[in-house]
Amino acid sequence: QVRQGVLTEKEAEVSRQKHIITRALGIEEDVEVDLDEVTVRQDDVLILCSDGLTSGVKPSEILKAVQSEEEPRAASERLVSMANAAGGLDNTTVIVVAVKKLSDGTFWKKIWKGAKSGG
C-alpha cells in the first residue's frame, strides 16, 4: 500500500493490516510469485528478508548493521536479534548474501535450461 501511495510509511508502521499475508507459496495449485532481476556487481551485499525484520527495524538501522559486520552470517544473526529486540511481533527471516566473485554465468545457464526443459 505504501508503493501504491495509499499509505505513508508512518501509517503503514501502525496499520492493523500490516501482518496480513497477501501472497504465499503452496496455498493453491497455481501460485503467483514476485520475480525481479537486478544487476549484481562484485562486493555487492544483498539482503533477503521477511517483514518480521522491516516491521521493527528501520532501513537505516539495517544498513548500518550490515555495514558493521564482516561476514554475512554475523549480519543475519545481528538483524534477527535487532528484530527480536524491537518486539519481534512477526516471524523474522533474514538472508545476507555477499557477492565475492562473479562468474561467467555458465552454472546458472545450465540450471535455468534444465528448469525450463523440465529436467
Protein backbone atom coordinates (compact mmCIF):
# COMPACT_ATOMS: atom_id res chain seq x y z
CA GLN A 1 0.00 0.00 0.00
CA VAL A 2 2.98 2.31 0.52
CA ARG A 3 4.22 1.66 -3.03
CA GLN A 4 0.76 2.43 -4.37
CA GLY A 5 0.57 5.68 -2.41
CA VAL A 6 -2.38 4.54 -0.30
CA LEU A 7 -0.42 4.81 2.97
CA THR A 8 2.64 6.71 4.10
CA GLU A 9 5.48 4.73 5.69
CA LYS A 10 4.44 6.05 9.12
CA GLU A 11 0.82 4.96 8.57
CA ALA A 12 1.96 1.52 7.39
CA GLU A 13 4.00 1.02 10.57
CA VAL A 14 0.86 1.22 12.73
CA SER A 15 -1.68 -0.24 10.30
CA ARG A 16 -3.84 -3.09 11.60
CA GLN A 17 -3.36 -4.78 8.23
CA LYS A 18 0.44 -4.89 8.35
CA HIS A 19 0.54 -8.59 9.32
CA ILE A 20 -1.93 -9.81 6.70
CA ILE A 21 -0.35 -12.35 4.36
CA THR A 22 -1.01 -11.15 0.83
CA ARG A 23 0.86 -13.84 -1.04
CA ALA A 24 2.33 -17.23 -0.07
CA LEU A 25 3.64 -20.28 -1.85
CA GLY A 26 1.79 -23.57 -1.58
CA ILE A 27 -1.77 -22.45 -0.88
CA GLU A 28 -3.15 -23.02 -4.38
CA GLU A 29 -2.16 -25.39 -7.18
CA ASP A 30 -1.01 -22.45 -9.32
CA VAL A 31 0.92 -19.78 -7.48
CA GLU A 32 1.93 -16.28 -8.48
CA VAL A 33 5.42 -15.34 -7.39
CA ASP A 34 7.17 -12.00 -7.36
CA LEU A 35 10.25 -12.08 -9.54
CA ASP A 36 12.71 -9.30 -10.06
CA GLU A 37 16.07 -9.15 -11.80
CA VAL A 38 18.88 -6.97 -10.58
CA THR A 39 22.39 -6.46 -11.87
CA VAL A 40 24.84 -7.69 -9.27
CA ARG A 41 28.41 -6.48 -9.05
CA GLN A 42 31.36 -7.83 -7.17
CA ASP A 43 31.32 -6.78 -3.49
CA ASP A 44 27.55 -6.11 -3.51
CA VAL A 45 25.59 -7.28 -0.48
CA LEU A 46 22.01 -8.50 -0.89
CA ILE A 47 19.54 -8.73 1.97
CA LEU A 48 16.53 -11.01 1.54
CA CYS A 49 14.16 -10.73 4.46
CA SER A 50 10.62 -11.09 5.66
CA ASP A 51 8.55 -8.27 7.06
CA GLY A 52 9.45 -9.54 10.52
CA LEU A 53 12.66 -7.56 10.10
CA THR A 54 11.35 -4.49 8.31
CA SER A 55 8.33 -4.04 10.59
CA GLY A 56 10.53 -3.33 13.60
CA VAL A 57 13.89 -2.19 12.25
CA LYS A 58 14.29 0.94 10.15
CA PRO A 59 16.13 0.70 6.79
CA SER A 60 18.91 2.98 8.05
CA GLU A 61 19.48 0.66 11.04
CA ILE A 62 19.53 -2.39 8.76
CA LEU A 63 22.13 -0.74 6.53
CA LYS A 64 24.29 0.26 9.49
CA ALA A 65 24.15 -3.25 10.96
CA VAL A 66 25.13 -4.95 7.70
CA GLN A 67 27.95 -2.48 7.07
CA SER A 68 29.38 -3.09 10.54
CA GLU A 69 29.63 -6.89 10.15
CA GLU A 70 32.31 -8.57 8.03
CA GLU A 71 30.52 -11.89 7.49
CA PRO A 72 27.01 -12.48 6.08
CA ARG A 73 26.13 -14.97 8.84
CA ALA A 74 27.02 -12.46 11.57
CA ALA A 75 25.00 -9.77 9.79
CA SER A 76 21.97 -12.09 9.50
CA GLU A 77 22.15 -13.05 13.16
CA ARG A 78 22.50 -9.43 14.21
CA LEU A 79 19.48 -8.38 12.14
CA VAL A 80 17.32 -11.14 13.64
CA SER A 81 18.44 -10.06 17.12
CA MET A 82 17.55 -6.46 16.30
CA ALA A 83 14.08 -7.52 15.12
CA ASN A 84 13.54 -9.52 18.32
CA ALA A 85 14.75 -6.60 20.45
CA ALA A 86 12.27 -4.35 18.64
CA GLY A 87 9.43 -6.55 19.86
CA GLY A 88 9.62 -9.46 17.44
CA LEU A 89 5.95 -9.10 16.55
CA ASP A 90 6.24 -11.32 13.48
CA ASN A 91 8.35 -14.25 12.31
CA THR A 92 11.70 -12.99 11.06
CA THR A 93 13.69 -14.47 8.21
CA VAL A 94 16.94 -12.89 7.04
CA ILE A 95 19.43 -13.98 4.39
CA VAL A 96 22.50 -11.87 3.71
CA VAL A 97 24.47 -12.63 0.55
CA ALA A 98 27.90 -11.13 -0.07
CA VAL A 99 28.98 -11.24 -3.72
CA LYS A 100 32.68 -12.06 -3.55
CA LYS A 101 33.41 -13.14 -7.11
CA LEU A 102 31.39 -13.05 -10.31
CA SER A 103 31.41 -15.94 -12.76
CA ASP A 104 30.63 -16.03 -16.45
CA GLY A 105 27.15 -17.38 -15.65
CA THR A 106 27.67 -20.85 -17.14
CA PHE A 107 26.49 -22.63 -13.99
CA TRP A 108 23.23 -20.67 -13.81
CA LYS A 109 22.58 -21.02 -17.55
CA LYS A 110 22.68 -24.81 -17.10
CA ILE A 111 20.35 -24.61 -14.10
CA TRP A 112 17.80 -22.42 -15.94
CA LYS A 113 17.99 -24.54 -19.10
CA GLY A 114 17.27 -27.68 -17.04
CA ALA A 115 14.42 -25.98 -15.21
CA LYS A 116 12.79 -24.77 -18.43
CA SER A 117 13.03 -28.18 -20.10
CA GLY A 118 11.68 -29.95 -17.03
CA GLY A 119 14.79 -31.92 -16.24
